[in-house]
Amino acid sequence: MASTGQYLNISETAAHPLFSRELEKQMGYTIRNLSCMPVVSSKKQIVAVVKLANKAGDIPFDHDD
């Protein structure tokens, strides 16, 4: 996300090839779904990346999120 500016929604982390279980170890809990997106400044520069995990209601994140 930081280099491409693209967002990523992973509805089922267990089946996704980009997901690493190492992240769960670092966070200390099981991650079922993820949404990751870049934060862009007013100058159109990527300044951060936001990661959201485990949407409430045990449903995956969608484009609207």
N, C-alpha and C. Protein backbone atom coordinates (compact mmCIF):
# COMPACT_ATOMS: atom_id res chain seq x y z
N MET A 1 0.82 -1.18 0.00
CA MET A 1 0.00 0.00 0.00
C MET A 1 0.86 1.25 0.00
N ALA A 2 1.92 1.23 0.77
CA ALA A 2 2.77 2.42 0.87
C ALA A 2 3.45 2.74 -0.45
N SER A 3 3.79 1.74 -1.22
CA SER A 3 4.50 2.01 -2.48
C SER A 3 3.56 2.08 -3.69
N THR A 4 2.42 1.40 -3.63
CA THR A 4 1.53 1.36 -4.80
C THR A 4 0.33 2.30 -4.71
N GLY A 5 -0.09 2.64 -3.49
CA GLY A 5 -1.27 3.47 -3.33
C GLY A 5 -2.57 2.71 -3.46
N GLN A 6 -2.49 1.41 -3.61
CA GLN A 6 -3.69 0.57 -3.76
C GLN A 6 -4.21 0.15 -2.37
N TYR A 7 -5.48 -0.15 -2.29
CA TYR A 7 -6.03 -0.70 -1.05
C TYR A 7 -6.16 -2.20 -1.21
N LEU A 8 -6.32 -2.89 -0.09
CA LEU A 8 -6.43 -4.34 -0.11
C LEU A 8 -7.43 -4.78 0.95
N ASN A 9 -8.41 -5.55 0.54
CA ASN A 9 -9.35 -6.19 1.47
C ASN A 9 -9.13 -7.69 1.38
N ILE A 10 -8.89 -8.31 2.51
CA ILE A 10 -8.75 -9.76 2.58
C ILE A 10 -9.91 -10.27 3.43
N SER A 11 -10.85 -10.95 2.78
CA SER A 11 -12.05 -11.38 3.49
C SER A 11 -11.83 -12.62 4.33
N GLU A 12 -10.85 -13.43 3.98
CA GLU A 12 -10.55 -14.65 4.74
C GLU A 12 -9.03 -14.83 4.75
N THR A 13 -8.40 -14.37 5.81
CA THR A 13 -6.94 -14.37 5.85
C THR A 13 -6.33 -15.77 5.75
N ALA A 14 -6.99 -16.77 6.29
CA ALA A 14 -6.44 -18.13 6.29
C ALA A 14 -6.19 -18.65 4.87
N ALA A 15 -6.94 -18.17 3.90
CA ALA A 15 -6.83 -18.66 2.53
C ALA A 15 -6.06 -17.71 1.61
N HIS A 16 -5.55 -16.60 2.13
CA HIS A 16 -4.91 -15.60 1.27
C HIS A 16 -3.40 -15.77 1.24
N PRO A 17 -2.79 -15.81 0.04
CA PRO A 17 -1.35 -16.05 -0.07
C PRO A 17 -0.48 -14.92 0.45
N LEU A 18 -0.98 -13.71 0.54
CA LEU A 18 -0.18 -12.59 1.04
C LEU A 18 -0.18 -12.47 2.56
N PHE A 19 -1.09 -13.17 3.23
CA PHE A 19 -1.20 -13.03 4.68
C PHE A 19 -0.15 -13.87 5.39
N SER A 20 0.46 -13.29 6.40
CA SER A 20 1.48 -13.98 7.19
C SER A 20 0.99 -14.18 8.63
N ARG A 21 1.07 -15.38 9.12
CA ARG A 21 0.68 -15.67 10.50
C ARG A 21 1.59 -14.95 11.50
N GLU A 22 2.73 -14.49 11.04
CA GLU A 22 3.64 -13.73 11.90
C GLU A 22 2.95 -12.46 12.42
N LEU A 23 2.09 -11.87 11.61
CA LEU A 23 1.34 -10.69 12.03
C LEU A 23 0.46 -11.01 13.23
N GLU A 24 -0.16 -12.18 13.23
CA GLU A 24 -0.99 -12.58 14.38
C GLU A 24 -0.14 -12.71 15.63
N LYS A 25 1.03 -13.26 15.49
CA LYS A 25 1.92 -13.39 16.65
C LYS A 25 2.28 -12.01 17.21
N GLN A 26 2.56 -11.06 16.32
CA GLN A 26 2.90 -9.71 16.75
C GLN A 26 1.72 -9.02 17.43
N MET A 27 0.53 -9.22 16.89
CA MET A 27 -0.67 -8.56 17.42
C MET A 27 -1.23 -9.25 18.66
N GLY A 28 -1.00 -10.56 18.77
CA GLY A 28 -1.48 -11.29 19.93
C GLY A 28 -2.91 -11.77 19.83
N TYR A 29 -3.48 -11.83 18.64
CA TYR A 29 -4.83 -12.36 18.45
C TYR A 29 -5.00 -12.88 17.03
N THR A 30 -6.04 -13.69 16.84
CA THR A 30 -6.33 -14.26 15.53
C THR A 30 -6.95 -13.20 14.63
N ILE A 31 -6.45 -13.11 13.40
CA ILE A 31 -6.97 -12.14 12.44
C ILE A 31 -7.76 -12.91 11.39
N ARG A 32 -9.06 -12.61 11.30
CA ARG A 32 -9.95 -13.30 10.36
C ARG A 32 -10.07 -12.57 9.03
N ASN A 33 -10.12 -11.23 9.08
CA ASN A 33 -10.21 -10.44 7.86
C ASN A 33 -9.49 -9.12 8.05
N LEU A 34 -9.04 -8.53 6.94
CA LEU A 34 -8.25 -7.30 6.98
C LEU A 34 -8.69 -6.32 5.91
N SER A 35 -8.52 -5.06 6.20
CA SER A 35 -8.64 -4.01 5.20
C SER A 35 -7.45 -3.08 5.41
N CYS A 36 -6.69 -2.87 4.35
CA CYS A 36 -5.50 -2.01 4.41
C CYS A 36 -5.61 -0.95 3.33
N MET A 37 -5.23 0.29 3.69
CA MET A 37 -5.30 1.37 2.71
C MET A 37 -4.27 2.44 3.01
N PRO A 38 -3.82 3.13 1.96
CA PRO A 38 -2.88 4.22 2.17
C PRO A 38 -3.58 5.47 2.67
N VAL A 39 -2.86 6.28 3.42
CA VAL A 39 -3.33 7.60 3.83
C VAL A 39 -2.56 8.60 2.97
N VAL A 40 -3.30 9.42 2.23
CA VAL A 40 -2.70 10.33 1.26
C VAL A 40 -2.85 11.78 1.75
N SER A 41 -1.76 12.52 1.69
CA SER A 41 -1.77 13.92 2.12
C SER A 41 -2.43 14.80 1.05
N SER A 42 -2.63 16.05 1.40
CA SER A 42 -3.20 17.01 0.44
C SER A 42 -2.28 17.25 -0.75
N LYS A 43 -0.99 16.88 -0.60
CA LYS A 43 -0.03 17.00 -1.70
C LYS A 43 0.08 15.70 -2.49
N LYS A 44 -0.89 14.80 -2.27
CA LYS A 44 -0.97 13.52 -3.00
C LYS A 44 0.21 12.59 -2.70
N GLN A 45 0.77 12.71 -1.50
CA GLN A 45 1.85 11.83 -1.07
C GLN A 45 1.32 10.83 -0.04
N ILE A 46 1.76 9.59 -0.14
CA ILE A 46 1.36 8.59 0.84
C ILE A 46 2.18 8.82 2.09
N VAL A 47 1.48 9.06 3.20
CA VAL A 47 2.16 9.39 4.45
C VAL A 47 2.02 8.31 5.52
N ALA A 48 1.11 7.35 5.29
CA ALA A 48 0.90 6.28 6.26
C ALA A 48 0.07 5.18 5.61
N VAL A 49 -0.05 4.06 6.30
CA VAL A 49 -0.92 2.97 5.89
C VAL A 49 -1.77 2.59 7.09
N VAL A 50 -3.07 2.43 6.87
CA VAL A 50 -4.00 2.03 7.92
C VAL A 50 -4.35 0.57 7.73
N LYS A 51 -4.34 -0.20 8.82
CA LYS A 51 -4.73 -1.60 8.77
C LYS A 51 -5.87 -1.80 9.77
N LEU A 52 -6.99 -2.32 9.28
CA LEU A 52 -8.13 -2.65 10.13
C LEU A 52 -8.28 -4.16 10.13
N ALA A 53 -8.53 -4.74 11.29
CA ALA A 53 -8.65 -6.19 11.39
C ALA A 53 -9.94 -6.58 12.11
N ASN A 54 -10.52 -7.67 11.65
CA ASN A 54 -11.68 -8.30 12.30
C ASN A 54 -12.88 -7.38 12.44
N LYS A 55 -13.52 -7.12 11.32
CA LYS A 55 -14.72 -6.30 11.32
C LYS A 55 -15.77 -6.88 12.25
N ALA A 56 -16.45 -6.01 12.98
CA ALA A 56 -17.49 -6.43 13.91
C ALA A 56 -18.57 -7.23 13.20
N GLY A 57 -19.13 -8.18 13.89
CA GLY A 57 -20.18 -9.02 13.32
C GLY A 57 -19.64 -10.19 12.54
N ASP A 58 -18.31 -10.37 12.58
CA ASP A 58 -17.65 -11.50 11.90
C ASP A 58 -17.99 -11.56 10.42
N ILE A 59 -18.11 -10.38 9.79
CA ILE A 59 -18.31 -10.30 8.34
C ILE A 59 -17.09 -9.58 7.75
N PRO A 60 -16.75 -9.87 6.51
CA PRO A 60 -15.57 -9.24 5.91
C PRO A 60 -15.79 -7.76 5.59
N PHE A 61 -14.70 -7.02 5.51
CA PHE A 61 -14.74 -5.64 5.06
C PHE A 61 -15.17 -5.61 3.59
N ASP A 62 -15.79 -4.50 3.19
CA ASP A 62 -16.15 -4.34 1.78
C ASP A 62 -15.63 -3.01 1.28
N HIS A 63 -15.89 -2.70 0.03
CA HIS A 63 -15.39 -1.48 -0.60
C HIS A 63 -15.85 -0.22 0.14
N ASP A 64 -17.07 -0.23 0.67
CA ASP A 64 -17.60 0.93 1.38
C ASP A 64 -16.83 1.22 2.67
N ASP A 65 -16.29 0.16 3.28
CA ASP A 65 -15.52 0.36 4.52
C ASP A 65 -14.27 1.16 4.24
